[in-house]
């Protein structure tokens, strides 16, 4: 038999349901299992609790009056801070079309009333474990991309580029003008040279910096004074 996932910190869950008795029963059942149920009976109260607690999971009764459950899920999905929180739909209606609608709205699991608390507990642990793995994977990917970026920046540290490449005085002057967004004609006129001579200087600068064109050359983080 598989062991249930163990969590170091208590799990916080916002539960939206019109049935006060059910909320009390669920809250009491999970009180000894390091699962903190934050009960709610309205859309506004639920949303407020979610924004305050940023729960590990949300349980929503979609059969509430005025489709409050559906509205809550839509609010969550439209908020990029909350959309990754796992959602469980809880309802007395077990019709396939309702399940499909629930999944389309963004729920992660579906359980019908009456339900076994142990089954709900298993679903909660499973969803949070999956979400944590996804989060950890995203963090690892971000960390690797950040490391790659830092490595590339070190390899192409152009903050001292002008000191590491050998530019002639004429090339240096051309480079400064390019970085000021002056075109070949303007640079040639300013230095009493022909556009062809300026183009030759630019070609040498591109070769020395391993860049393909002026746009790429200008995009480098130069520290030219």
C-alpha atoms as a PDB file:
ATOM      1  CA  UNK A   1       0.000   0.000   0.000  1.00  0.00           C
ATOM      2  CA  UNK A   2       1.278   3.448  -0.893  1.00  0.00           C
ATOM      3  CA  UNK A   3       1.973   5.798   1.959  1.00  0.00           C
ATOM      4  CA  UNK A   4       0.277   9.153   2.052  1.00  0.00           C
ATOM      5  CA  UNK A   5       2.422  12.144   1.264  1.00  0.00           C
ATOM      6  CA  UNK A   6       3.872  13.792   4.343  1.00  0.00           C
ATOM      7  CA  UNK A   7       4.057  17.578   4.525  1.00  0.00           C
ATOM      8  CA  UNK A   8       6.308  19.498   6.881  1.00  0.00           C
ATOM      9  CA  UNK A   9       3.916  22.401   7.296  1.00  0.00           C
ATOM     10  CA  UNK A  10       0.145  22.407   7.801  1.00  0.00           C
ATOM     11  CA  UNK A  11      -1.973  22.489   4.671  1.00  0.00           C
ATOM     12  CA  UNK A  12      -4.376  25.411   4.302  1.00  0.00           C
ATOM     13  CA  UNK A  13      -7.559  24.865   2.320  1.00  0.00           C
ATOM     14  CA  UNK A  14     -10.360  27.299   1.552  1.00  0.00           C
ATOM     15  CA  UNK A  15     -13.655  25.431   1.298  1.00  0.00           C
ATOM     16  CA  UNK A  16     -16.737  27.091  -0.196  1.00  0.00           C
ATOM     17  CA  UNK A  17     -20.021  25.337   0.586  1.00  0.00           C
ATOM     18  CA  UNK A  18     -23.530  26.407   1.599  1.00  0.00           C
ATOM     19  CA  UNK A  19     -23.890  23.460   4.031  1.00  0.00           C
ATOM     20  CA  UNK A  20     -22.741  24.656   7.467  1.00  0.00           C
ATOM     21  CA  UNK A  21     -22.963  21.160   8.941  1.00  0.00           C
ATOM     22  CA  UNK A  22     -20.744  19.718   6.218  1.00  0.00           C
ATOM     23  CA  UNK A  23     -18.182  22.477   6.684  1.00  0.00           C
ATOM     24  CA  UNK A  24     -18.045  21.736  10.428  1.00  0.00           C
ATOM     25  CA  UNK A  25     -17.706  17.990   9.862  1.00  0.00           C
ATOM     26  CA  UNK A  26     -14.908  18.397   7.322  1.00  0.00           C
ATOM     27  CA  UNK A  27     -13.140  20.960   9.497  1.00  0.00           C
ATOM     28  CA  UNK A  28     -13.309  18.643  12.513  1.00  0.00           C
ATOM     29  CA  UNK A  29     -12.141  15.591  10.550  1.00  0.00           C
ATOM     30  CA  UNK A  30      -9.059  17.340   9.150  1.00  0.00           C
ATOM     31  CA  UNK A  31      -8.167  19.172  12.365  1.00  0.00           C
ATOM     32  CA  UNK A  32      -5.965  16.285  13.525  1.00  0.00           C
ATOM     33  CA  UNK A  33      -4.357  15.742  10.120  1.00  0.00           C
ATOM     34  CA  UNK A  34      -2.377  18.971   9.733  1.00  0.00           C
ATOM     35  CA  UNK A  35      -4.991  20.197   7.275  1.00  0.00           C
ATOM     36  CA  UNK A  36      -6.522  23.547   8.155  1.00  0.00           C
ATOM     37  CA  UNK A  37      -9.964  24.040   6.597  1.00  0.00           C
ATOM     38  CA  UNK A  38     -10.945  27.697   6.155  1.00  0.00           C
ATOM     39  CA  UNK A  39     -14.735  27.488   5.728  1.00  0.00           C
ATOM     40  CA  UNK A  40     -16.739  29.943   3.668  1.00  0.00           C
ATOM     41  CA  UNK A  41     -20.325  30.295   2.471  1.00  0.00           C
ATOM     42  CA  UNK A  42     -20.028  33.185   0.027  1.00  0.00           C
ATOM     43  CA  UNK A  43     -18.038  34.183  -3.035  1.00  0.00           C
ATOM     44  CA  UNK A  44     -16.644  37.384  -1.531  1.00  0.00           C
ATOM     45  CA  UNK A  45     -15.622  35.734   1.722  1.00  0.00           C
ATOM     46  CA  UNK A  46     -13.939  32.860  -0.127  1.00  0.00           C
ATOM     47  CA  UNK A  47     -12.048  35.167  -2.434  1.00  0.00           C
ATOM     48  CA  UNK A  48     -10.910  37.304   0.512  1.00  0.00           C
ATOM     49  CA  UNK A  49      -9.632  34.232   2.369  1.00  0.00           C
ATOM     50  CA  UNK A  50      -7.802  33.052  -0.748  1.00  0.00           C
ATOM     51  CA  UNK A  51      -6.062  36.394  -1.173  1.00  0.00           C
ATOM     52  CA  UNK A  52      -5.079  36.451   2.504  1.00  0.00           C
ATOM     53  CA  UNK A  53      -3.986  32.830   2.914  1.00  0.00           C
ATOM     54  CA  UNK A  54      -2.936  31.813  -0.615  1.00  0.00           C
ATOM     55  CA  UNK A  55      -4.098  28.276   0.253  1.00  0.00           C
ATOM     56  CA  UNK A  56      -2.530  25.032  -0.918  1.00  0.00           C
ATOM     57  CA  UNK A  57      -5.860  23.877  -2.317  1.00  0.00           C
ATOM     58  CA  UNK A  58      -9.433  25.108  -2.836  1.00  0.00           C
ATOM     59  CA  UNK A  59     -12.614  23.031  -2.449  1.00  0.00           C
ATOM     60  CA  UNK A  60     -15.684  24.468  -4.153  1.00  0.00           C
ATOM     61  CA  UNK A  61     -19.310  23.352  -4.166  1.00  0.00           C
ATOM     62  CA  UNK A  62     -20.455  24.181  -7.687  1.00  0.00           C
ATOM     63  CA  UNK A  63     -24.117  23.572  -6.821  1.00  0.00           C
ATOM     64  CA  UNK A  64     -24.379  26.733  -4.716  1.00  0.00           C
ATOM     65  CA  UNK A  65     -27.061  29.349  -5.480  1.00  0.00           C
ATOM     66  CA  UNK A  66     -26.348  31.799  -8.323  1.00  0.00           C
ATOM     67  CA  UNK A  67     -23.505  29.562  -9.529  1.00  0.00           C
ATOM     68  CA  UNK A  68     -21.222  31.028  -6.866  1.00  0.00           C
ATOM     69  CA  UNK A  69     -18.847  28.084  -7.179  1.00  0.00           C
ATOM     70  CA  UNK A  70     -18.397  28.621 -10.900  1.00  0.00           C
ATOM     71  CA  UNK A  71     -17.832  32.341 -10.376  1.00  0.00           C
ATOM     72  CA  UNK A  72     -15.144  31.681  -7.776  1.00  0.00           C
ATOM     73  CA  UNK A  73     -13.234  29.387 -10.117  1.00  0.00           C
ATOM     74  CA  UNK A  74     -13.448  31.981 -12.895  1.00  0.00           C
ATOM     75  CA  UNK A  75     -12.083  34.634 -10.518  1.00  0.00           C
ATOM     76  CA  UNK A  76      -9.197  32.353  -9.576  1.00  0.00           C
ATOM     77  CA  UNK A  77      -8.372  31.444 -13.162  1.00  0.00           C
ATOM     78  CA  UNK A  78      -8.327  35.093 -14.203  1.00  0.00           C
ATOM     79  CA  UNK A  79      -5.778  35.977 -11.503  1.00  0.00           C
ATOM     80  CA  UNK A  80      -2.245  34.919 -12.426  1.00  0.00           C
ATOM     81  CA  UNK A  81      -1.292  34.863  -8.729  1.00  0.00           C
ATOM     82  CA  UNK A  82      -3.936  32.225  -7.967  1.00  0.00           C
ATOM     83  CA  UNK A  83      -4.510  30.209 -11.132  1.00  0.00           C
ATOM     84  CA  UNK A  84      -1.992  27.505 -10.176  1.00  0.00           C
ATOM     85  CA  UNK A  85      -3.744  26.657  -6.895  1.00  0.00           C
ATOM     86  CA  UNK A  86      -5.345  23.184  -7.249  1.00  0.00           C
ATOM     87  CA  UNK A  87      -9.156  23.202  -7.165  1.00  0.00           C
ATOM     88  CA  UNK A  88     -11.517  20.380  -6.202  1.00  0.00           C
ATOM     89  CA  UNK A  89     -15.155  20.533  -7.267  1.00  0.00           C
ATOM     90  CA  UNK A  90     -17.590  19.214  -4.669  1.00  0.00           C
ATOM     91  CA  UNK A  91     -21.207  18.614  -5.582  1.00  0.00           C
ATOM     92  CA  UNK A  92     -24.159  16.323  -5.153  1.00  0.00           C
ATOM     93  CA  UNK A  93     -24.520  16.213  -8.901  1.00  0.00           C
ATOM     94  CA  UNK A  94     -22.379  13.544 -10.493  1.00  0.00           C
ATOM     95  CA  UNK A  95     -23.483  13.991 -14.091  1.00  0.00           C
ATOM     96  CA  UNK A  96     -20.799  13.647 -16.758  1.00  0.00           C
ATOM     97  CA  UNK A  97     -21.724  16.996 -18.338  1.00  0.00           C
ATOM     98  CA  UNK A  98     -21.176  18.731 -14.995  1.00  0.00           C
ATOM     99  CA  UNK A  99     -17.804  17.062 -14.628  1.00  0.00           C
ATOM    100  CA  UNK A 100     -16.798  18.222 -18.109  1.00  0.00           C
ATOM    101  CA  UNK A 101     -17.959  21.749 -17.337  1.00  0.00           C
ATOM    102  CA  UNK A 102     -15.987  21.682 -14.094  1.00  0.00           C
ATOM    103  CA  UNK A 103     -12.798  20.563 -15.797  1.00  0.00           C
ATOM    104  CA  UNK A 104     -13.256  23.172 -18.533  1.00  0.00           C
ATOM    105  CA  UNK A 105     -13.543  25.830 -15.849  1.00  0.00           C
ATOM    106  CA  UNK A 106     -10.210  24.750 -14.417  1.00  0.00           C
ATOM    107  CA  UNK A 107     -10.840  22.298 -11.604  1.00  0.00           C
ATOM    108  CA  UNK A 108      -8.241  19.578 -10.994  1.00  0.00           C
ATOM    109  CA  UNK A 109     -10.444  16.949  -9.372  1.00  0.00           C
ATOM    110  CA  UNK A 110     -14.103  16.176  -8.847  1.00  0.00           C
ATOM    111  CA  UNK A 111     -15.800  14.405  -5.933  1.00  0.00           C
ATOM    112  CA  UNK A 112     -19.518  13.865  -5.404  1.00  0.00           C
ATOM    113  CA  UNK A 113     -21.510  14.095  -2.188  1.00  0.00           C
ATOM    114  CA  UNK A 114     -21.789  12.103  -0.038  1.00  0.00           C
ATOM    115  CA  UNK A 115     -18.071  11.420  -0.006  1.00  0.00           C
ATOM    116  CA  UNK A 116     -15.594   9.503   2.079  1.00  0.00           C
ATOM    117  CA  UNK A 117     -13.322  11.958   3.970  1.00  0.00           C
ATOM    118  CA  UNK A 118     -10.379   9.630   3.419  1.00  0.00           C
ATOM    119  CA  UNK A 119     -10.942   9.820  -0.333  1.00  0.00           C
ATOM    120  CA  UNK A 120     -11.032  13.612  -0.154  1.00  0.00           C
ATOM    121  CA  UNK A 121      -7.860  13.547   1.940  1.00  0.00           C
ATOM    122  CA  UNK A 122      -6.125  11.347  -0.631  1.00  0.00           C
ATOM    123  CA  UNK A 123      -7.166  13.690  -3.452  1.00  0.00           C
ATOM    124  CA  UNK A 124      -5.892  16.703  -1.510  1.00  0.00           C
ATOM    125  CA  UNK A 125      -2.492  15.123  -0.840  1.00  0.00           C
ATOM    126  CA  UNK A 126      -2.181  13.927  -4.426  1.00  0.00           C
ATOM    127  CA  UNK A 127      -3.011  17.316  -5.948  1.00  0.00           C
ATOM    128  CA  UNK A 128      -0.683  19.240  -3.635  1.00  0.00           C
ATOM    129  CA  UNK A 129       2.152  16.768  -4.269  1.00  0.00           C
ATOM    130  CA  UNK A 130       1.682  17.131  -8.018  1.00  0.00           C
ATOM    131  CA  UNK A 131       1.544  20.897  -7.715  1.00  0.00           C
ATOM    132  CA  UNK A 132       4.708  20.955  -5.607  1.00  0.00           C
ATOM    133  CA  UNK A 133       6.536  18.794  -8.148  1.00  0.00           C
ATOM    134  CA  UNK A 134       5.448  21.115 -10.936  1.00  0.00           C
ATOM    135  CA  UNK A 135       6.503  24.142  -8.910  1.00  0.00           C
ATOM    136  CA  UNK A 136       9.883  22.584  -8.093  1.00  0.00           C
ATOM    137  CA  UNK A 137      10.381  21.706 -11.756  1.00  0.00           C
ATOM    138  CA  UNK A 138       9.614  25.292 -12.753  1.00  0.00           C
ATOM    139  CA  UNK A 139      12.023  26.594 -10.110  1.00  0.00           C
ATOM    140  CA  UNK A 140      14.754  24.230 -11.315  1.00  0.00           C
ATOM    141  CA  UNK A 141      14.225  25.246 -14.932  1.00  0.00           C
ATOM    142  CA  UNK A 142      14.326  28.917 -13.966  1.00  0.00           C
ATOM    143  CA  UNK A 143      17.501  28.354 -11.958  1.00  0.00           C
ATOM    144  CA  UNK A 144      19.160  26.569 -14.884  1.00  0.00           C
ATOM    145  CA  UNK A 145      18.142  29.296 -17.333  1.00  0.00           C
ATOM    146  CA  UNK A 146      19.435  31.924 -14.922  1.00  0.00           C
ATOM    147  CA  UNK A 147      22.735  30.064 -14.625  1.00  0.00           C
ATOM    148  CA  UNK A 148      23.009  29.802 -18.406  1.00  0.00           C
ATOM    149  CA  UNK A 149      22.301  33.521 -18.715  1.00  0.00           C
ATOM    150  CA  UNK A 150      24.925  34.370 -16.109  1.00  0.00           C
ATOM    151  CA  UNK A 151      27.444  32.143 -17.883  1.00  0.00           C
ATOM    152  CA  UNK A 152      26.750  33.828 -21.200  1.00  0.00           C
ATOM    153  CA  UNK A 153      27.051  37.263 -19.620  1.00  0.00           C
ATOM    154  CA  UNK A 154      30.420  36.280 -18.182  1.00  0.00           C
ATOM    155  CA  UNK A 155      31.558  34.983 -21.548  1.00  0.00           C
ATOM    156  CA  UNK A 156      30.365  38.133 -23.245  1.00  0.00           C
ATOM    157  CA  UNK A 157      31.090  40.690 -20.573  1.00  0.00           C
ATOM    158  CA  UNK A 158      31.238  43.742 -22.756  1.00  0.00           C
ATOM    159  CA  UNK A 159      31.311  46.193 -19.849  1.00  0.00           C
ATOM    160  CA  UNK A 160      35.087  46.115 -20.330  1.00  0.00           C
ATOM    161  CA  UNK A 161      34.966  45.113 -23.939  1.00  0.00           C
ATOM    162  CA  UNK A 162      36.844  48.107 -25.250  1.00  0.00           C
ATOM    163  CA  UNK A 163      39.770  47.141 -23.031  1.00  0.00           C
ATOM    164  CA  UNK A 164      39.896  43.549 -24.258  1.00  0.00           C
ATOM    165  CA  UNK A 165      39.833  44.230 -27.973  1.00  0.00           C
ATOM    166  CA  UNK A 166      42.275  46.244 -29.961  1.00  0.00           C
ATOM    167  CA  UNK A 167      40.552  49.172 -31.632  1.00  0.00           C
ATOM    168  CA  UNK A 168      42.427  51.801 -33.522  1.00  0.00           C
ATOM    169  CA  UNK A 169      41.733  55.414 -32.675  1.00  0.00           C
ATOM    170  CA  UNK A 170      39.708  55.800 -35.878  1.00  0.00           C
ATOM    171  CA  UNK A 171      37.683  52.649 -35.147  1.00  0.00           C
ATOM    172  CA  UNK A 172      37.027  53.845 -31.621  1.00  0.00           C
ATOM    173  CA  UNK A 173      35.685  57.164 -32.923  1.00  0.00           C
ATOM    174  CA  UNK A 174      33.455  55.353 -35.419  1.00  0.00           C
ATOM    175  CA  UNK A 175      32.165  53.048 -32.695  1.00  0.00           C
ATOM    176  CA  UNK A 176      31.267  56.010 -30.441  1.00  0.00           C
ATOM    177  CA  UNK A 177      29.316  57.597 -33.262  1.00  0.00           C
ATOM    178  CA  UNK A 178      27.506  54.358 -34.061  1.00  0.00           C
ATOM    179  CA  UNK A 179      26.462  54.069 -30.436  1.00  0.00           C
ATOM    180  CA  UNK A 180      25.051  57.585 -30.724  1.00  0.00           C
ATOM    181  CA  UNK A 181      22.856  56.276 -33.558  1.00  0.00           C
ATOM    182  CA  UNK A 182      24.644  58.247 -36.260  1.00  0.00           C
ATOM    183  CA  UNK A 183      24.594  56.801 -39.761  1.00  0.00           C
ATOM    184  CA  UNK A 184      27.561  56.223 -42.085  1.00  0.00           C
ATOM    185  CA  UNK A 185      27.055  59.489 -43.968  1.00  0.00           C
ATOM    186  CA  UNK A 186      26.941  61.561 -40.791  1.00  0.00           C
ATOM    187  CA  UNK A 187      30.066  59.898 -39.407  1.00  0.00           C
ATOM    188  CA  UNK A 188      31.931  60.359 -42.683  1.00  0.00           C
ATOM    189  CA  UNK A 189      31.025  64.055 -42.817  1.00  0.00           C
ATOM    190  CA  UNK A 190      32.039  64.638 -39.201  1.00  0.00           C
ATOM    191  CA  UNK A 191      35.485  63.056 -39.664  1.00  0.00           C
ATOM    192  CA  UNK A 192      36.176  64.250 -43.204  1.00  0.00           C
ATOM    193  CA  UNK A 193      36.228  60.719 -44.560  1.00  0.00           C
ATOM    194  CA  UNK A 194      34.384  58.992 -47.343  1.00  0.00           C
ATOM    195  CA  UNK A 195      31.452  56.694 -46.504  1.00  0.00           C
ATOM    196  CA  UNK A 196      33.508  53.869 -47.976  1.00  0.00           C
ATOM    197  CA  UNK A 197      36.270  54.433 -45.389  1.00  0.00           C
ATOM    198  CA  UNK A 198      33.694  54.456 -42.581  1.00  0.00           C
ATOM    199  CA  UNK A 199      32.243  51.184 -43.858  1.00  0.00           C
ATOM    200  CA  UNK A 200      35.731  49.647 -43.788  1.00  0.00           C
ATOM    201  CA  UNK A 201      36.174  50.707 -40.149  1.00  0.00           C
ATOM    202  CA  UNK A 202      32.772  49.266 -39.283  1.00  0.00           C
ATOM    203  CA  UNK A 203      33.641  45.998 -41.002  1.00  0.00           C
ATOM    204  CA  UNK A 204      36.832  45.718 -38.919  1.00  0.00           C
ATOM    205  CA  UNK A 205      34.912  46.463 -35.705  1.00  0.00           C
ATOM    206  CA  UNK A 206      32.347  43.780 -36.550  1.00  0.00           C
ATOM    207  CA  UNK A 207      35.113  41.257 -37.112  1.00  0.00           C
ATOM    208  CA  UNK A 208      36.848  42.134 -33.858  1.00  0.00           C
ATOM    209  CA  UNK A 209      33.613  41.834 -31.838  1.00  0.00           C
ATOM    210  CA  UNK A 210      32.298  38.755 -33.673  1.00  0.00           C
ATOM    211  CA  UNK A 211      29.067  40.567 -34.506  1.00  0.00           C
ATOM    212  CA  UNK A 212      27.180  40.280 -37.781  1.00  0.00           C
ATOM    213  CA  UNK A 213      25.768  43.757 -38.233  1.00  0.00           C
ATOM    214  CA  UNK A 214      25.516  47.226 -36.720  1.00  0.00           C
ATOM    215  CA  UNK A 215      22.289  46.408 -34.900  1.00  0.00           C
ATOM    216  CA  UNK A 216      23.895  43.476 -33.112  1.00  0.00           C
ATOM    217  CA  UNK A 217      27.018  45.539 -32.413  1.00  0.00           C
ATOM    218  CA  UNK A 218      24.959  48.319 -30.817  1.00  0.00           C
ATOM    219  CA  UNK A 219      23.022  45.825 -28.697  1.00  0.00           C
ATOM    220  CA  UNK A 220      26.149  44.887 -26.773  1.00  0.00           C
ATOM    221  CA  UNK A 221      26.433  46.467 -23.309  1.00  0.00           C
ATOM    222  CA  UNK A 222      29.282  48.776 -24.188  1.00  0.00           C
ATOM    223  CA  UNK A 223      30.948  50.958 -21.619  1.00  0.00           C
ATOM    224  CA  UNK A 224      32.400  53.471 -24.013  1.00  0.00           C
ATOM    225  CA  UNK A 225      33.036  57.027 -22.849  1.00  0.00           C
END
